[in-house]
PDB file of N, CA and C in Angstrom:
ATOM      1  N   MET A   1     100.782 131.957 100.876  1.00  0.00           N
ATOM      2  CA  MET A   1     101.456 130.664 100.174  1.00  0.00           C
ATOM      3  C   MET A   1     100.502 129.620  99.064  1.00  0.00           C
ATOM      4  N   SER A   2     101.165 129.466  97.811  1.00  0.00           N
ATOM      5  CA  SER A   2     100.220 129.023  96.780  1.00  0.00           C
ATOM      6  C   SER A   2      99.304 128.233  96.857  1.00  0.00           C
ATOM      7  N   MET A   3      98.685 128.046  95.729  1.00  0.00           N
ATOM      8  CA  MET A   3      97.992 126.563  95.158  1.00  0.00           C
ATOM      9  C   MET A   3      99.065 125.239  95.130  1.00  0.00           C
ATOM     10  N   TYR A   4      99.968 125.786  94.812  1.00  0.00           N
ATOM     11  CA  TYR A   4     100.520 125.017  93.769  1.00  0.00           C
ATOM     12  C   TYR A   4     101.285 124.449  95.485  1.00  0.00           C
ATOM     13  N   ASP A   5     102.537 125.296  96.322  1.00  0.00           N
ATOM     14  CA  ASP A   5     102.489 124.586  97.305  1.00  0.00           C
ATOM     15  C   ASP A   5     102.515 123.974  98.560  1.00  0.00           C
ATOM     16  N   THR A   6     100.469 124.359  98.070  1.00  0.00           N
ATOM     17  CA  THR A   6      99.763 123.689  99.442  1.00  0.00           C
ATOM     18  C   THR A   6      99.713 121.973  98.548  1.00  0.00           C
ATOM     19  N   ASP A   7      99.738 121.911  97.316  1.00  0.00           N
ATOM     20  CA  ASP A   7      98.676 120.242  96.523  1.00  0.00           C
ATOM     21  C   ASP A   7     100.593 119.941  96.787  1.00  0.00           C
ATOM     22  N   ARG A   8     101.937 120.373  96.387  1.00  0.00           N
ATOM     23  CA  ARG A   8     102.973 119.773  96.266  1.00  0.00           C
ATOM     24  C   ARG A   8     103.567 119.318  97.907  1.00  0.00           C
ATOM     25  N   GLN A   9     103.221 119.996  98.915  1.00  0.00           N
ATOM     26  CA  GLN A   9     103.605 119.950 100.749  1.00  0.00           C
ATOM     27  C   GLN A   9     102.845 118.606 100.516  1.00  0.00           C
ATOM     28  N   GLN A  10     100.917 118.399 100.136  1.00  0.00           N
ATOM     29  CA  GLN A  10      99.771 117.180 100.347  1.00  0.00           C
ATOM     30  C   GLN A  10     100.826 115.965  99.453  1.00  0.00           C
ATOM     31  N   PHE A  11     101.460 116.206  98.192  1.00  0.00           N
ATOM     32  CA  PHE A  11     101.862 115.161  97.516  1.00  0.00           C
ATOM     33  C   PHE A  11     103.113 114.392  97.848  1.00  0.00           C
ATOM     34  N   ILE A  12     103.696 115.268  98.897  1.00  0.00           N
ATOM     35  CA  ILE A  12     105.165 114.974  99.195  1.00  0.00           C
ATOM     36  C   ILE A  12     105.076 114.075 100.829  1.00  0.00           C
ATOM     37  N   LYS A  13     103.742 114.553 101.852  1.00  0.00           N
ATOM     38  CA  LYS A  13     103.779 114.139 102.734  1.00  0.00           C
ATOM     39  C   LYS A  13     102.582 112.664 102.073  1.00  0.00           C
ATOM     40  N   THR A  14     101.719 112.731 101.232  1.00  0.00           N
ATOM     41  CA  THR A  14     101.319 110.981 101.248  1.00  0.00           C
ATOM     42  C   THR A  14     102.541 110.224 101.042  1.00  0.00           C
ATOM     43  N   LEU A  15     103.734 110.906  99.910  1.00  0.00           N
ATOM     44  CA  LEU A  15     105.113 109.636  99.928  1.00  0.00           C
ATOM     45  C   LEU A  15     105.304 109.643 100.479  1.00  0.00           C
ATOM     46  N   GLN A  16     105.619 110.445 101.862  1.00  0.00           N
ATOM     47  CA  GLN A  16     106.545 110.125 102.879  1.00  0.00           C
ATOM     48  C   GLN A  16     105.148 108.907 103.779  1.00  0.00           C
ATOM     49  N   LEU A  17     104.587 109.230 103.860  1.00  0.00           N
ATOM     50  CA  LEU A  17     103.623 108.369 104.453  1.00  0.00           C
ATOM     51  C   LEU A  17     103.232 106.461 103.674  1.00  0.00           C
ATOM     52  N   TYR A  18     103.006 107.118 102.730  1.00  0.00           N
ATOM     53  CA  TYR A  18     103.391 105.709 101.212  1.00  0.00           C
ATOM     54  C   TYR A  18     104.097 104.571 101.531  1.00  0.00           C
ATOM     55  N   PHE A  19     105.608 105.687 101.662  1.00  0.00           N
ATOM     56  CA  PHE A  19     107.008 104.760 101.451  1.00  0.00           C
ATOM     57  C   PHE A  19     107.084 103.958 103.347  1.00  0.00           C
ATOM     58  N   GLY A  20     107.247 105.192 104.071  1.00  0.00           N
ATOM     59  CA  GLY A  20     107.055 104.281 106.143  1.00  0.00           C
ATOM     60  C   GLY A  20     105.948 103.923 105.924  1.00  0.00           C
ATOM     61  N   GLY A  21     104.714 103.770 105.482  1.00  0.00           N
ATOM     62  CA  GLY A  21     103.979 102.318 106.089  1.00  0.00           C
ATOM     63  C   GLY A  21     104.522 101.706 104.753  1.00  0.00           C
ATOM     64  N   HIS A  22     104.942 101.209 104.479  1.00  0.00           N
ATOM     65  CA  HIS A  22     105.676  99.529 103.801  1.00  0.00           C
ATOM     66  C   HIS A  22     106.541  99.322 104.273  1.00  0.00           C
ATOM     67  N   VAL A  23     107.828 100.657 104.232  1.00  0.00           N
ATOM     68  CA  VAL A  23     108.900  99.956 105.466  1.00  0.00           C
ATOM     69  C   VAL A  23     108.143  99.675 106.392  1.00  0.00           C
ATOM     70  N   ALA A  24     107.103  99.679 107.651  1.00  0.00           N
ATOM     71  CA  ALA A  24     106.499  99.270 108.405  1.00  0.00           C
ATOM     72  C   ALA A  24     106.472  98.163 108.441  1.00  0.00           C
ATOM     73  N   LYS A  25     105.447  97.469 107.036  1.00  0.00           N
ATOM     74  CA  LYS A  25     104.807  96.728 106.955  1.00  0.00           C
ATOM     75  C   LYS A  25     105.795  95.377 106.361  1.00  0.00           C
ATOM     76  N   HIS A  26     107.125  95.781 105.741  1.00  0.00           N
ATOM     77  CA  HIS A  26     108.243  94.589 105.532  1.00  0.00           C
ATOM     78  C   HIS A  26     108.741  94.347 106.874  1.00  0.00           C
ATOM     79  N   ARG A  27     108.678  95.206 107.515  1.00  0.00           N
ATOM     80  CA  ARG A  27     109.222  95.657 109.074  1.00  0.00           C
ATOM     81  C   ARG A  27     108.708  94.592 110.155  1.00  0.00           C
ATOM     82  N   ALA A  28     107.680  94.640 110.169  1.00  0.00           N
ATOM     83  CA  ALA A  28     106.187  93.745 110.728  1.00  0.00           C
ATOM     84  C   ALA A  28     106.878  92.703 110.130  1.00  0.00           C
ATOM     85  N   ASN A  29     106.780  92.099 109.182  1.00  0.00           N
ATOM     86  CA  ASN A  29     107.063  90.230 108.541  1.00  0.00           C
ATOM     87  C   ASN A  29     107.826  90.065 109.201  1.00  0.00           C
ATOM     88  N   VAL A  30     109.074  90.860 108.644  1.00  0.00           N
ATOM     89  CA  VAL A  30     110.655  90.299 109.303  1.00  0.00           C
ATOM     90  C   VAL A  30     110.177  89.610 110.668  1.00  0.00           C
ATOM     91  N   ASN A  31     109.687  90.790 111.562  1.00  0.00           N
ATOM     92  CA  ASN A  31     109.413  90.500 112.964  1.00  0.00           C
ATOM     93  C   ASN A  31     108.643  89.174 113.372  1.00  0.00           C
ATOM     94  N   ASN A  32     107.436  89.186 112.722  1.00  0.00           N
ATOM     95  CA  ASN A  32     106.706  88.203 113.109  1.00  0.00           C
ATOM     96  C   ASN A  32     107.508  86.660 112.026  1.00  0.00           C
ATOM     97  N   LEU A  33     108.345  87.115 111.238  1.00  0.00           N
ATOM     98  CA  LEU A  33     109.649  85.537 110.598  1.00  0.00           C
ATOM     99  C   LEU A  33     110.109  85.058 111.765  1.00  0.00           C
ATOM    100  N   LEU A  34     111.078  86.275 112.152  1.00  0.00           N
ATOM    101  CA  LEU A  34     111.664  85.869 113.802  1.00  0.00           C
ATOM    102  C   LEU A  34     111.367  85.239 114.397  1.00  0.00           C
ATOM    103  N   ASP A  35     109.885  86.032 115.057  1.00  0.00           N
ATOM    104  CA  ASP A  35     109.598  85.139 116.200  1.00  0.00           C
ATOM    105  C   ASP A  35     108.664  84.358 116.155  1.00  0.00           C
ATOM    106  N   ASN A  36     107.307  84.399 115.346  1.00  0.00           N
ATOM    107  CA  ASN A  36     106.831  83.494 115.283  1.00  0.00           C
ATOM    108  C   ASN A  36     107.236  81.842 114.517  1.00  0.00           C
ATOM    109  N   ASN A  37     107.191  80.989 115.588  1.00  0.00           N
ATOM    110  CA  ASN A  37     107.515  79.347 114.820  1.00  0.00           C
ATOM    111  C   ASN A  37     106.669  78.520 113.856  1.00  0.00           C
ATOM    112  N   VAL A  38     105.274  79.628 113.625  1.00  0.00           N
ATOM    113  CA  VAL A  38     104.357  79.269 112.738  1.00  0.00           C
ATOM    114  C   VAL A  38     104.831  78.983 111.623  1.00  0.00           C
ATOM    115  N   ALA A  39     105.423  81.024 111.429  1.00  0.00           N
ATOM    116  CA  ALA A  39     105.617  80.695 110.186  1.00  0.00           C
ATOM    117  C   ALA A  39     106.774  80.564 109.421  1.00  0.00           C
ATOM    118  N   LEU A  40     107.711  80.244 110.660  1.00  0.00           N
ATOM    119  CA  LEU A  40     109.032  79.569 110.131  1.00  0.00           C
ATOM    120  C   LEU A  40     108.770  78.153 109.663  1.00  0.00           C
ATOM    121  N   ALA A  41     107.687  77.271 109.996  1.00  0.00           N
ATOM    122  CA  ALA A  41     107.325  76.075 109.587  1.00  0.00           C
ATOM    123  C   ALA A  41     106.859  76.290 108.350  1.00  0.00           C
ATOM    124  N   GLU A  42     106.772  77.222 108.054  1.00  0.00           N
ATOM    125  CA  GLU A  42     104.864  77.869 106.546  1.00  0.00           C
ATOM    126  C   GLU A  42     106.140  78.185 105.246  1.00  0.00           C
ATOM    127  N   HIS A  43     107.557  78.844 106.146  1.00  0.00           N
ATOM    128  CA  HIS A  43     108.830  79.485 105.282  1.00  0.00           C
ATOM    129  C   HIS A  43     110.019  78.334 104.763  1.00  0.00           C
ATOM    130  N   PRO A  44     110.048  77.174 103.937  1.00  0.00           N
ATOM    131  CA  PRO A  44     111.340  76.053 104.048  1.00  0.00           C
ATOM    132  C   PRO A  44     112.676  77.221 104.254  1.00  0.00           C
ATOM    133  N   ASP A  45     112.867  77.912 103.313  1.00  0.00           N
ATOM    134  CA  ASP A  45     113.962  78.634 102.883  1.00  0.00           C
ATOM    135  C   ASP A  45     113.608  80.107 103.537  1.00  0.00           C
ATOM    136  N   ILE A  46     114.151  80.095 105.040  1.00  0.00           N
ATOM    137  CA  ILE A  46     113.197  81.335 106.334  1.00  0.00           C
ATOM    138  C   ILE A  46     114.307  82.554 105.386  1.00  0.00           C
ATOM    139  N   ILE A  47     115.465  82.279 105.579  1.00  0.00           N
ATOM    140  CA  ILE A  47     116.412  83.248 105.410  1.00  0.00           C
ATOM    141  C   ILE A  47     116.310  84.059 103.994  1.00  0.00           C
ATOM    142  N   GLU A  48     116.382  83.143 102.971  1.00  0.00           N
ATOM    143  CA  GLU A  48     115.562  83.570 101.442  1.00  0.00           C
ATOM    144  C   GLU A  48     114.044  84.835 102.243  1.00  0.00           C
ATOM    145  N   THR A  49     113.676  84.383 102.361  1.00  0.00           N
ATOM    146  CA  THR A  49     111.999  85.003 102.941  1.00  0.00           C
ATOM    147  C   THR A  49     112.706  85.883 103.318  1.00  0.00           C
ATOM    148  N   ILE A  50     113.449  86.274 104.804  1.00  0.00           N
ATOM    149  CA  ILE A  50     113.719  87.422 105.588  1.00  0.00           C
ATOM    150  C   ILE A  50     114.620  88.291 104.453  1.00  0.00           C
ATOM    151  N   GLU A  51     114.869  87.351 103.459  1.00  0.00           N
ATOM    152  CA  GLU A  51     116.002  88.664 102.800  1.00  0.00           C
ATOM    153  C   GLU A  51     115.373  89.591 101.986  1.00  0.00           C
ATOM    154  N   LYS A  52     114.373  88.672 101.325  1.00  0.00           N
ATOM    155  CA  LYS A  52     113.767  89.586 100.253  1.00  0.00           C
ATOM    156  C   LYS A  52     112.730  91.055 101.209  1.00  0.00           C
ATOM    157  N   GLU A  53     111.810  90.446 101.862  1.00  0.00           N
ATOM    158  CA  GLU A  53     111.108  91.265 103.140  1.00  0.00           C
ATOM    159  C   GLU A  53     112.669  92.259 103.635  1.00  0.00           C
ATOM    160  N   LEU A  54     114.187  92.201 103.672  1.00  0.00           N
ATOM    161  CA  LEU A  54     114.440  93.409 104.061  1.00  0.00           C
ATOM    162  C   LEU A  54     115.085  94.112 102.353  1.00  0.00           C
ATOM    163  N   ASP A  55     115.009  93.329 101.099  1.00  0.00           N
ATOM    164  CA  ASP A  55     115.009  94.481 100.083  1.00  0.00           C
ATOM    165  C   ASP A  55     113.977  94.993  99.934  1.00  0.00           C
ATOM    166  N   HIS A  56     113.104  94.850 100.285  1.00  0.00           N
ATOM    167  CA  HIS A  56     111.508  95.927 100.306  1.00  0.00           C
ATOM    168  C   HIS A  56     111.941  97.162 100.368  1.00  0.00           C
ATOM    169  N   MET A  57     112.260  96.885 102.296  1.00  0.00           N
ATOM    170  CA  MET A  57     112.228  97.808 103.039  1.00  0.00           C
ATOM    171  C   MET A  57     113.429  98.267 102.904  1.00  0.00           C
ATOM    172  N   ALA A  58     114.746  98.548 102.031  1.00  0.00           N
ATOM    173  CA  ALA A  58     115.789  99.135 101.535  1.00  0.00           C
ATOM    174  C   ALA A  58     115.170  99.889 100.782  1.00  0.00           C
ATOM    175  N   ASP A  59     114.486  98.672  99.513  1.00  0.00           N
ATOM    176  CA  ASP A  59     113.895  99.946  98.666  1.00  0.00           C
ATOM    177  C   ASP A  59     113.098 101.017  98.680  1.00  0.00           C
ATOM    178  N   TYR A  60     112.321 100.755 100.493  1.00  0.00           N
ATOM    179  CA  TYR A  60     111.383 101.900 100.369  1.00  0.00           C
ATOM    180  C   TYR A  60     112.053 103.188 101.283  1.00  0.00           C
ATOM    181  N   GLU A  61     112.599 102.956 101.663  1.00  0.00           N
ATOM    182  CA  GLU A  61     113.425 102.885 102.780  1.00  0.00           C
ATOM    183  C   GLU A  61     114.718 104.117 101.419  1.00  0.00           C
ATOM    184  N   ASP A  62     115.020 103.730 100.357  1.00  0.00           N
ATOM    185  CA  ASP A  62     115.792 104.704  99.811  1.00  0.00           C
ATOM    186  C   ASP A  62     115.107 105.684  98.725  1.00  0.00           C
ATOM    187  N   LYS A  63     113.492 105.344  98.646  1.00  0.00           N
ATOM    188  CA  LYS A  63     112.237 106.155  97.883  1.00  0.00           C
ATOM    189  C   LYS A  63     112.404 107.400  98.993  1.00  0.00           C
ATOM    190  N   LEU A  64     112.621 106.965 100.357  1.00  0.00           N
ATOM    191  CA  LEU A  64     111.757 107.675 101.223  1.00  0.00           C
ATOM    192  C   LEU A  64     113.262 108.972 101.167  1.00  0.00           C
ATOM    193  N   ASN A  65     114.410 108.103 101.379  1.00  0.00           N
ATOM    194  CA  ASN A  65     115.736 108.979 101.643  1.00  0.00           C
ATOM    195  C   ASN A  65     115.650 109.873 101.054  1.00  0.00           C
ATOM    196  N   VAL A  66     115.940 109.303  99.635  1.00  0.00           N
ATOM    197  CA  VAL A  66     115.984 110.808  98.165  1.00  0.00           C
ATOM    198  C   VAL A  66     114.673 111.519  98.010  1.00  0.00           C
ATOM    199  N   LEU A  67     113.398 111.694  98.794  1.00  0.00           N
ATOM    200  CA  LEU A  67     112.666 112.646  98.372  1.00  0.00           C
ATOM    201  C   LEU A  67     113.176 113.338  99.257  1.00  0.00           C
ATOM    202  N   GLU A  68     113.303 113.173 100.491  1.00  0.00           N
ATOM    203  CA  GLU A  68     113.893 114.082 101.583  1.00  0.00           C
ATOM    204  C   GLU A  68     114.982 114.921 101.687  1.00  0.00           C
ATOM    205  N   LYS A  69     115.880 113.665 100.926  1.00  0.00           N
ATOM    206  CA  LYS A  69     117.070 115.071 100.755  1.00  0.00           C
ATOM    207  C   LYS A  69     116.694 116.196  99.484  1.00  0.00           C
ATOM    208  N   TYR A  70     115.751 115.835  98.482  1.00  0.00           N
ATOM    209  CA  TYR A  70     116.017 116.677  96.933  1.00  0.00           C
ATOM    210  C   TYR A  70     114.463 117.335  97.171  1.00  0.00           C
ATOM    211  N   PHE A  71     113.207 116.569  97.621  1.00  0.00           N
ATOM    212  CA  PHE A  71     112.618 117.734  98.140  1.00  0.00           C
ATOM    213  C   PHE A  71     112.050 118.337  98.924  1.00  0.00           C
ATOM    214  N   VAL A  72     111.857 117.478 100.132  1.00  0.00           N
ATOM    215  CA  VAL A  72     112.328 118.540 101.142  1.00  0.00           C
ATOM    216  C   VAL A  72     112.995 118.561 102.146  1.00  0.00           C
ATOM    217  N   ASN A  73     113.695 118.982 102.820  1.00  0.00           N
ATOM    218  CA  ASN A  73     115.412 119.254 103.257  1.00  0.00           C
ATOM    219  C   ASN A  73     116.207 120.032 102.128  1.00  0.00           C
ATOM    220  N   GLY A  74     115.611 121.085 101.863  1.00  0.00           N
ATOM    221  CA  GLY A  74     116.953 122.214 101.632  1.00  0.00           C
ATOM    222  C   GLY A  74     116.379 121.492  99.623  1.00  0.00           C
ATOM    223  N   SER A  75     115.304 122.006  99.311  1.00  0.00           N
ATOM    224  CA  SER A  75     115.441 121.479  97.570  1.00  0.00           C
ATOM    225  C   SER A  75     115.986 122.542  96.943  1.00  0.00           C
ATOM    226  N   LYS A  76     116.338 123.461  97.797  1.00  0.00           N
ATOM    227  CA  LYS A  76     116.440 124.504  96.667  1.00  0.00           C
ATOM    228  C   LYS A  76     117.989 124.754  96.606  1.00  0.00           C
ATOM    229  N   GLU A  77     118.599 124.242  97.298  1.00  0.00           N
ATOM    230  CA  GLU A  77     120.507 124.307  97.066  1.00  0.00           C
ATOM    231  C   GLU A  77     120.895 122.557  96.225  1.00  0.00           C
ATOM    232  N   ASN A  78     119.500 121.216  96.111  1.00  0.00           N
ATOM    233  CA  ASN A  78     120.020 120.743  96.248  1.00  0.00           C
ATOM    234  C   ASN A  78     119.706 120.842  94.256  1.00  0.00           C
ATOM    235  N   GLU A  79     118.361 121.577  93.790  1.00  0.00           N
ATOM    236  CA  GLU A  79     118.487 121.772  92.690  1.00  0.00           C
ATOM    237  C   GLU A  79     120.017 122.773  91.705  1.00  0.00           C
ATOM    238  N   LYS A  80     120.417 122.997  92.640  1.00  0.00           N
ATOM    239  CA  LYS A  80     121.439 124.414  92.159  1.00  0.00           C
ATOM    240  C   LYS A  80     122.290 122.742  92.560  1.00  0.00           C
ATOM    241  N   GLU A  81     122.859 121.822  92.994  1.00  0.00           N
ATOM    242  CA  GLU A  81     124.192 121.147  93.590  1.00  0.00           C
ATOM    243  C   GLU A  81     123.858 120.330  91.982  1.00  0.00           C
ATOM    244  N   LEU A  82     122.466 120.050  92.098  1.00  0.00           N
ATOM    245  CA  LEU A  82     122.184 118.768  90.392  1.00  0.00           C
ATOM    246  C   LEU A  82     122.749 119.365  89.371  1.00  0.00           C
ATOM    247  N   LEU A  83     122.346 120.954  89.656  1.00  0.00           N
ATOM    248  CA  LEU A  83     122.386 121.748  87.829  1.00  0.00           C
ATOM    249  C   LEU A  83     124.171 122.155  87.592  1.00  0.00           C
ATOM    250  N   ASN A  84     124.535 121.993  88.588  1.00  0.00           N
ATOM    251  CA  ASN A  84     126.450 122.111  88.517  1.00  0.00           C
ATOM    252  C   ASN A  84     127.184 120.764  88.626  1.00  0.00           C
ATOM    253  N   ASP A  85     126.148 119.877  88.836  1.00  0.00           N
ATOM    254  CA  ASP A  85     127.151 118.547  88.516  1.00  0.00           C
ATOM    255  C   ASP A  85     127.432 118.173  86.561  1.00  0.00           C
TER     256      ASP A  85
END
């Protein structure tokens, strides 16, 4: 295994943790908003607030899925597929 492979794997792992951490953070926010009556009082438009949190979750989930699809799981096959498109 070359130094390049080790660095690549470390970057990929770091990105997975970073994106996954953001998903978990925004999920916790939604759970808090749904379960905490005090949080409801602090946000007059609770639906809009939850929607914004879900948007953040979707964004980071998409990034995580793209990272795993194109750079973790079968990245060589996906590179060939992209070149053929």
